[in-house]
């Protein structure tokens, strides 16, 4: 990196004032290009696994996390923890909670795949 900087400075020293201005504008142009959005990588499809007959809420979260590995689970933590709490603390039916978890994961996936939609 130091060698490249020294090389650039050596070129700078050999340039006239007009060419130095051009070099500065070109450097600004290059730097501005760093923020240009690149085509994002395609979002992979979920890899669904069959839902076991007697699945637990924890098991469902693990299964859905594997199926939707592209999602940031931290963004869903509040919702998944709330649903877990409804099941454990309030006795909400396991099937209802798992159905809701599946909707949560699917919604987050749709938002990731099409943030404008």
N, C-alpha and C. Protein backbone atom coordinates (compact mmCIF):
# COMPACT_ATOMS: atom_id res chain seq x y z
N UNK A 1 0.82 -1.19 0.00
CA UNK A 1 0.00 0.00 0.00
C UNK A 1 0.87 1.26 0.00
N UNK A 2 1.94 1.23 0.80
CA UNK A 2 2.84 2.38 0.87
C UNK A 2 3.50 2.62 -0.48
N UNK A 3 3.91 1.54 -1.16
CA UNK A 3 4.53 1.68 -2.47
C UNK A 3 3.60 2.33 -3.48
N UNK A 4 2.33 1.94 -3.47
CA UNK A 4 1.34 2.54 -4.38
C UNK A 4 1.16 4.02 -4.08
N UNK A 5 1.13 4.35 -2.79
CA UNK A 5 0.98 5.75 -2.41
C UNK A 5 2.19 6.57 -2.89
N UNK A 6 3.38 6.02 -2.67
CA UNK A 6 4.60 6.72 -3.11
C UNK A 6 4.61 6.87 -4.63
N UNK A 7 4.15 5.84 -5.33
CA UNK A 7 4.10 5.91 -6.79
C UNK A 7 3.14 7.00 -7.24
N UNK A 8 1.99 7.08 -6.58
CA UNK A 8 1.02 8.12 -6.91
C UNK A 8 1.59 9.51 -6.62
N UNK A 9 2.25 9.65 -5.50
CA UNK A 9 2.85 10.95 -5.17
C UNK A 9 3.96 11.33 -6.15
N UNK A 10 4.70 10.36 -6.63
CA UNK A 10 5.74 10.64 -7.63
C UNK A 10 5.10 11.15 -8.92
N UNK A 11 3.99 10.55 -9.31
CA UNK A 11 3.26 11.04 -10.49
C UNK A 11 2.72 12.45 -10.24
N UNK A 12 2.20 12.65 -9.04
CA UNK A 12 1.64 13.96 -8.65
C UNK A 12 2.71 15.05 -8.82
N UNK A 13 3.90 14.75 -8.33
CA UNK A 13 4.99 15.73 -8.38
C UNK A 13 5.37 16.10 -9.81
N UNK A 14 5.13 15.22 -10.76
CA UNK A 14 5.50 15.47 -12.16
C UNK A 14 4.40 16.19 -12.94
N UNK A 15 3.23 16.32 -12.35
CA UNK A 15 2.10 16.91 -13.06
C UNK A 15 2.03 18.42 -12.88
N UNK A 16 1.45 19.07 -13.89
CA UNK A 16 1.16 20.50 -13.78
C UNK A 16 -0.12 20.70 -12.99
N UNK A 17 -0.44 21.95 -12.68
CA UNK A 17 -1.60 22.27 -11.85
C UNK A 17 -2.91 21.75 -12.46
N UNK A 18 -3.10 21.92 -13.75
CA UNK A 18 -4.32 21.48 -14.43
C UNK A 18 -4.47 19.95 -14.34
N UNK A 19 -3.38 19.24 -14.57
CA UNK A 19 -3.44 17.78 -14.50
C UNK A 19 -3.66 17.29 -13.07
N UNK A 20 -3.13 18.03 -12.10
CA UNK A 20 -3.37 17.67 -10.70
C UNK A 20 -4.86 17.81 -10.37
N UNK A 21 -5.48 18.88 -10.88
CA UNK A 21 -6.93 19.06 -10.67
C UNK A 21 -7.71 17.89 -11.28
N UNK A 22 -7.27 17.48 -12.48
CA UNK A 22 -7.93 16.35 -13.14
C UNK A 22 -7.76 15.08 -12.33
N UNK A 23 -6.58 14.87 -11.80
CA UNK A 23 -6.33 13.68 -10.98
C UNK A 23 -7.20 13.67 -9.72
N UNK A 24 -7.35 14.82 -9.10
CA UNK A 24 -8.20 14.92 -7.90
C UNK A 24 -9.65 14.61 -8.26
N UNK A 25 -10.13 15.18 -9.37
CA UNK A 25 -11.52 14.91 -9.79
C UNK A 25 -11.70 13.43 -10.12
N UNK A 26 -10.70 12.82 -10.76
CA UNK A 26 -10.79 11.41 -11.08
C UNK A 26 -10.80 10.56 -9.81
N UNK A 27 -9.98 10.91 -8.84
CA UNK A 27 -9.98 10.17 -7.57
C UNK A 27 -11.33 10.29 -6.88
N UNK A 28 -11.94 11.48 -6.92
CA UNK A 28 -13.27 11.67 -6.33
C UNK A 28 -14.30 10.82 -7.07
N UNK A 29 -14.19 10.76 -8.38
CA UNK A 29 -15.09 9.93 -9.19
C UNK A 29 -14.96 8.46 -8.80
N UNK A 30 -13.74 7.98 -8.68
CA UNK A 30 -13.52 6.59 -8.28
C UNK A 30 -14.08 6.30 -6.90
N UNK A 31 -13.86 7.23 -6.00
CA UNK A 31 -14.36 7.04 -4.64
C UNK A 31 -15.87 7.02 -4.60
N UNK A 32 -16.52 7.86 -5.38
CA UNK A 32 -17.98 7.90 -5.42
C UNK A 32 -18.54 6.58 -5.93
N UNK A 33 -17.81 5.91 -6.80
CA UNK A 33 -18.25 4.63 -7.33
C UNK A 33 -18.29 3.52 -6.31
N UNK A 34 -17.59 3.72 -5.17
CA UNK A 34 -17.60 2.69 -4.13
C UNK A 34 -18.99 2.50 -3.55
N UNK A 35 -19.78 3.55 -3.55
CA UNK A 35 -21.12 3.47 -2.97
C UNK A 35 -22.18 3.03 -3.96
N UNK A 36 -21.79 2.82 -5.21
CA UNK A 36 -22.76 2.42 -6.23
C UNK A 36 -23.27 1.02 -5.89
N UNK A 37 -24.59 0.90 -5.93
CA UNK A 37 -25.17 -0.40 -5.62
C UNK A 37 -24.86 -1.40 -6.73
N UNK A 38 -24.44 -2.55 -6.29
CA UNK A 38 -24.18 -3.63 -7.22
C UNK A 38 -25.41 -4.53 -7.23
N UNK A 39 -25.55 -5.31 -8.26
CA UNK A 39 -26.67 -6.22 -8.32
C UNK A 39 -26.54 -7.21 -7.17
N UNK A 40 -27.55 -7.25 -6.32
CA UNK A 40 -27.45 -8.15 -5.17
C UNK A 40 -27.51 -9.62 -5.60
N UNK A 41 -26.89 -10.44 -4.81
CA UNK A 41 -26.92 -11.87 -5.08
C UNK A 41 -28.36 -12.36 -4.91
N UNK A 42 -28.78 -13.31 -5.73
CA UNK A 42 -30.15 -13.81 -5.59
C UNK A 42 -30.35 -14.46 -4.22
N UNK A 43 -31.53 -14.28 -3.69
CA UNK A 43 -31.88 -14.87 -2.40
C UNK A 43 -32.23 -16.34 -2.64
N UNK A 44 -31.57 -17.26 -1.94
CA UNK A 44 -31.88 -18.68 -2.16
C UNK A 44 -33.29 -19.02 -1.69
N UNK A 45 -33.85 -20.02 -2.30
CA UNK A 45 -35.17 -20.52 -1.92
C UNK A 45 -35.06 -21.25 -0.58
N UNK A 46 -36.11 -21.21 0.24
CA UNK A 46 -36.08 -21.98 1.48
C UNK A 46 -35.99 -23.47 1.18
N UNK A 47 -35.34 -24.19 2.07
CA UNK A 47 -35.20 -25.64 1.93
C UNK A 47 -36.10 -26.30 2.97
N UNK A 48 -37.36 -26.36 2.62
CA UNK A 48 -38.37 -26.88 3.56
C UNK A 48 -38.13 -28.35 3.88
N UNK A 49 -38.40 -28.66 5.13
CA UNK A 49 -38.35 -30.05 5.62
C UNK A 49 -39.78 -30.42 6.03
N UNK A 50 -40.13 -31.68 5.94
CA UNK A 50 -41.47 -32.07 6.39
C UNK A 50 -41.65 -31.75 7.87
N UNK A 51 -42.84 -31.34 8.21
CA UNK A 51 -43.17 -31.02 9.60
C UNK A 51 -43.52 -32.31 10.34
N UNK A 52 -42.74 -32.66 11.35
CA UNK A 52 -43.05 -33.88 12.11
C UNK A 52 -44.41 -33.79 12.79
N UNK A 53 -45.03 -34.94 12.99
CA UNK A 53 -46.36 -34.98 13.59
C UNK A 53 -46.41 -34.40 14.99
N UNK A 54 -45.47 -34.78 15.81
CA UNK A 54 -45.48 -34.29 17.21
C UNK A 54 -44.29 -33.37 17.44
N UNK A 55 -44.26 -32.29 16.71
CA UNK A 55 -43.14 -31.35 16.79
C UNK A 55 -43.33 -30.40 17.98
N UNK A 56 -42.22 -30.07 18.62
CA UNK A 56 -42.25 -29.08 19.70
C UNK A 56 -42.02 -27.70 19.10
N UNK A 57 -42.27 -26.66 19.88
CA UNK A 57 -42.03 -25.30 19.41
C UNK A 57 -40.53 -25.09 19.16
N UNK A 58 -39.70 -25.58 20.06
CA UNK A 58 -38.25 -25.46 19.88
C UNK A 58 -37.82 -26.22 18.63
N UNK A 59 -38.35 -27.39 18.42
CA UNK A 59 -38.05 -28.17 17.23
C UNK A 59 -38.47 -27.44 15.96
N UNK A 60 -39.62 -26.78 16.01
CA UNK A 60 -40.10 -26.02 14.86
C UNK A 60 -39.18 -24.85 14.55
N UNK A 61 -38.74 -24.16 15.58
CA UNK A 61 -37.83 -23.03 15.37
C UNK A 61 -36.53 -23.52 14.75
N UNK A 62 -36.02 -24.65 15.21
CA UNK A 62 -34.79 -25.22 14.63
C UNK A 62 -35.02 -25.62 13.17
N UNK A 63 -36.15 -26.28 12.90
CA UNK A 63 -36.46 -26.72 11.53
C UNK A 63 -36.60 -25.52 10.61
N UNK A 64 -37.32 -24.50 11.05
CA UNK A 64 -37.53 -23.31 10.23
C UNK A 64 -36.23 -22.52 10.05
N UNK A 65 -35.39 -22.52 11.07
CA UNK A 65 -34.09 -21.85 10.95
C UNK A 65 -33.21 -22.53 9.90
N UNK A 66 -33.30 -23.85 9.82
CA UNK A 66 -32.55 -24.56 8.77
C UNK A 66 -33.15 -24.26 7.40
N UNK A 67 -34.47 -24.27 7.32
CA UNK A 67 -35.15 -24.04 6.04
C UNK A 67 -34.89 -22.62 5.53
N UNK A 68 -34.87 -21.68 6.44
CA UNK A 68 -34.69 -20.27 6.09
C UNK A 68 -33.34 -19.77 6.59
N UNK A 69 -32.30 -20.51 6.25
CA UNK A 69 -30.95 -20.17 6.73
C UNK A 69 -30.48 -18.80 6.27
N UNK A 70 -31.09 -18.26 5.22
CA UNK A 70 -30.69 -16.96 4.69
C UNK A 70 -31.19 -15.79 5.55
N UNK A 71 -32.08 -16.06 6.48
CA UNK A 71 -32.64 -15.00 7.32
C UNK A 71 -31.76 -14.71 8.53
N UNK A 72 -31.78 -13.48 8.97
CA UNK A 72 -31.09 -13.08 10.19
C UNK A 72 -32.05 -13.34 11.35
N UNK A 73 -31.79 -14.37 12.10
CA UNK A 73 -32.71 -14.76 13.18
C UNK A 73 -32.81 -13.70 14.27
N UNK A 74 -31.79 -12.85 14.37
CA UNK A 74 -31.86 -11.78 15.38
C UNK A 74 -33.03 -10.84 15.10
N UNK A 75 -33.34 -10.65 13.82
CA UNK A 75 -34.45 -9.76 13.46
C UNK A 75 -35.81 -10.37 13.82
N UNK A 76 -35.84 -11.67 14.00
CA UNK A 76 -37.09 -12.35 14.32
C UNK A 76 -37.17 -12.74 15.79
N UNK A 77 -36.14 -12.42 16.54
CA UNK A 77 -36.04 -12.87 17.93
C UNK A 77 -37.24 -12.44 18.77
N UNK A 78 -37.65 -11.20 18.63
CA UNK A 78 -38.77 -10.72 19.43
C UNK A 78 -40.04 -11.52 19.15
N UNK A 79 -40.32 -11.75 17.86
CA UNK A 79 -41.53 -12.48 17.50
C UNK A 79 -41.46 -13.95 17.92
N UNK A 80 -40.32 -14.59 17.66
CA UNK A 80 -40.22 -16.00 18.01
C UNK A 80 -40.23 -16.20 19.52
N UNK A 81 -39.57 -15.32 20.25
CA UNK A 81 -39.57 -15.42 21.72
C UNK A 81 -40.96 -15.18 22.28
N UNK A 82 -41.68 -14.24 21.68
CA UNK A 82 -43.05 -13.97 22.12
C UNK A 82 -43.95 -15.19 21.91
N UNK A 83 -43.81 -15.81 20.75
CA UNK A 83 -44.62 -17.00 20.48
C UNK A 83 -44.24 -18.15 21.41
N UNK A 84 -42.95 -18.31 21.66
CA UNK A 84 -42.50 -19.33 22.60
C UNK A 84 -43.10 -19.07 23.98
N UNK A 85 -43.06 -17.81 24.40
CA UNK A 85 -43.63 -17.44 25.69
C UNK A 85 -45.12 -17.70 25.76
N UNK A 86 -45.83 -17.43 24.69
CA UNK A 86 -47.27 -17.69 24.66
C UNK A 86 -47.55 -19.18 24.85
N UNK A 87 -46.71 -20.01 24.30
CA UNK A 87 -46.89 -21.44 24.45
C UNK A 87 -46.53 -21.91 25.85
N UNK A 88 -45.35 -21.51 26.32
CA UNK A 88 -44.86 -22.00 27.60
C UNK A 88 -45.60 -21.36 28.78
N UNK A 89 -45.73 -20.05 28.75
CA UNK A 89 -46.27 -19.33 29.90
C UNK A 89 -47.79 -19.23 29.90
N UNK A 90 -48.36 -19.16 28.70
CA UNK A 90 -49.81 -18.95 28.62
C UNK A 90 -50.57 -20.19 28.15
N UNK A 91 -49.84 -21.22 27.80
CA UNK A 91 -50.47 -22.47 27.39
C UNK A 91 -51.10 -22.46 26.01
N UNK A 92 -50.65 -21.56 25.16
CA UNK A 92 -51.20 -21.53 23.80
C UNK A 92 -50.85 -22.84 23.10
N UNK A 93 -51.79 -23.36 22.33
CA UNK A 93 -51.65 -24.65 21.66
C UNK A 93 -50.41 -24.70 20.78
N UNK A 94 -49.67 -25.81 20.87
CA UNK A 94 -48.42 -25.97 20.15
C UNK A 94 -48.62 -25.87 18.63
N UNK A 95 -49.70 -26.43 18.12
CA UNK A 95 -49.94 -26.39 16.67
C UNK A 95 -50.20 -24.96 16.21
N UNK A 96 -50.95 -24.21 16.98
CA UNK A 96 -51.21 -22.80 16.64
C UNK A 96 -49.92 -21.99 16.63
N UNK A 97 -49.08 -22.22 17.62
CA UNK A 97 -47.82 -21.49 17.72
C UNK A 97 -46.90 -21.84 16.55
N UNK A 98 -46.83 -23.11 16.22
CA UNK A 98 -45.97 -23.52 15.10
C UNK A 98 -46.51 -22.96 13.78
N UNK A 99 -47.83 -22.97 13.61
CA UNK A 99 -48.42 -22.36 12.41
C UNK A 99 -48.03 -20.89 12.31
N UNK A 100 -48.08 -20.19 13.43
CA UNK A 100 -47.73 -18.77 13.46
C UNK A 100 -46.23 -18.59 13.19
N UNK A 101 -45.41 -19.45 13.75
CA UNK A 101 -43.96 -19.38 13.48
C UNK A 101 -43.68 -19.54 11.99
N UNK A 102 -44.38 -20.47 11.36
CA UNK A 102 -44.19 -20.66 9.92
C UNK A 102 -44.56 -19.40 9.15
N UNK A 103 -45.62 -18.72 9.58
CA UNK A 103 -46.01 -17.47 8.92
C UNK A 103 -44.97 -16.37 9.16
N UNK A 104 -44.40 -16.33 10.36
CA UNK A 104 -43.37 -15.33 10.67
C UNK A 104 -42.15 -15.54 9.78
N UNK A 105 -41.67 -16.77 9.69
CA UNK A 105 -40.51 -17.04 8.86
C UNK A 105 -40.81 -16.73 7.40
N UNK A 106 -41.98 -17.13 6.92
CA UNK A 106 -42.35 -16.87 5.52
C UNK A 106 -42.43 -15.36 5.25
N UNK A 107 -43.00 -14.61 6.17
CA UNK A 107 -43.11 -13.15 5.99
C UNK A 107 -41.72 -12.50 5.94
N UNK A 108 -40.85 -12.90 6.82
CA UNK A 108 -39.49 -12.35 6.83
C UNK A 108 -38.76 -12.72 5.53
N UNK A 109 -38.99 -13.93 5.05
CA UNK A 109 -38.37 -14.34 3.80
C UNK A 109 -38.89 -13.48 2.64
N UNK A 110 -40.20 -13.27 2.56
CA UNK A 110 -40.77 -12.44 1.50
C UNK A 110 -40.23 -11.03 1.56
N UNK A 111 -40.08 -10.48 2.76
CA UNK A 111 -39.52 -9.14 2.91
C UNK A 111 -38.07 -9.07 2.46
N UNK A 112 -37.32 -10.13 2.69
CA UNK A 112 -35.93 -10.18 2.25
C UNK A 112 -35.85 -10.30 0.73
N UNK A 113 -36.68 -11.18 0.18
CA UNK A 113 -36.64 -11.45 -1.27
C UNK A 113 -37.18 -10.28 -2.08
N UNK A 114 -38.15 -9.55 -1.52
CA UNK A 114 -38.75 -8.43 -2.24
C UNK A 114 -39.05 -7.30 -1.25
N UNK A 115 -38.02 -6.53 -0.87
CA UNK A 115 -38.21 -5.51 0.17
C UNK A 115 -39.19 -4.41 -0.24
N UNK A 116 -39.43 -4.22 -1.53
CA UNK A 116 -40.35 -3.19 -1.99
C UNK A 116 -41.77 -3.70 -2.13
N UNK A 117 -41.94 -5.02 -2.07
CA UNK A 117 -43.23 -5.63 -2.34
C UNK A 117 -44.04 -5.75 -1.14
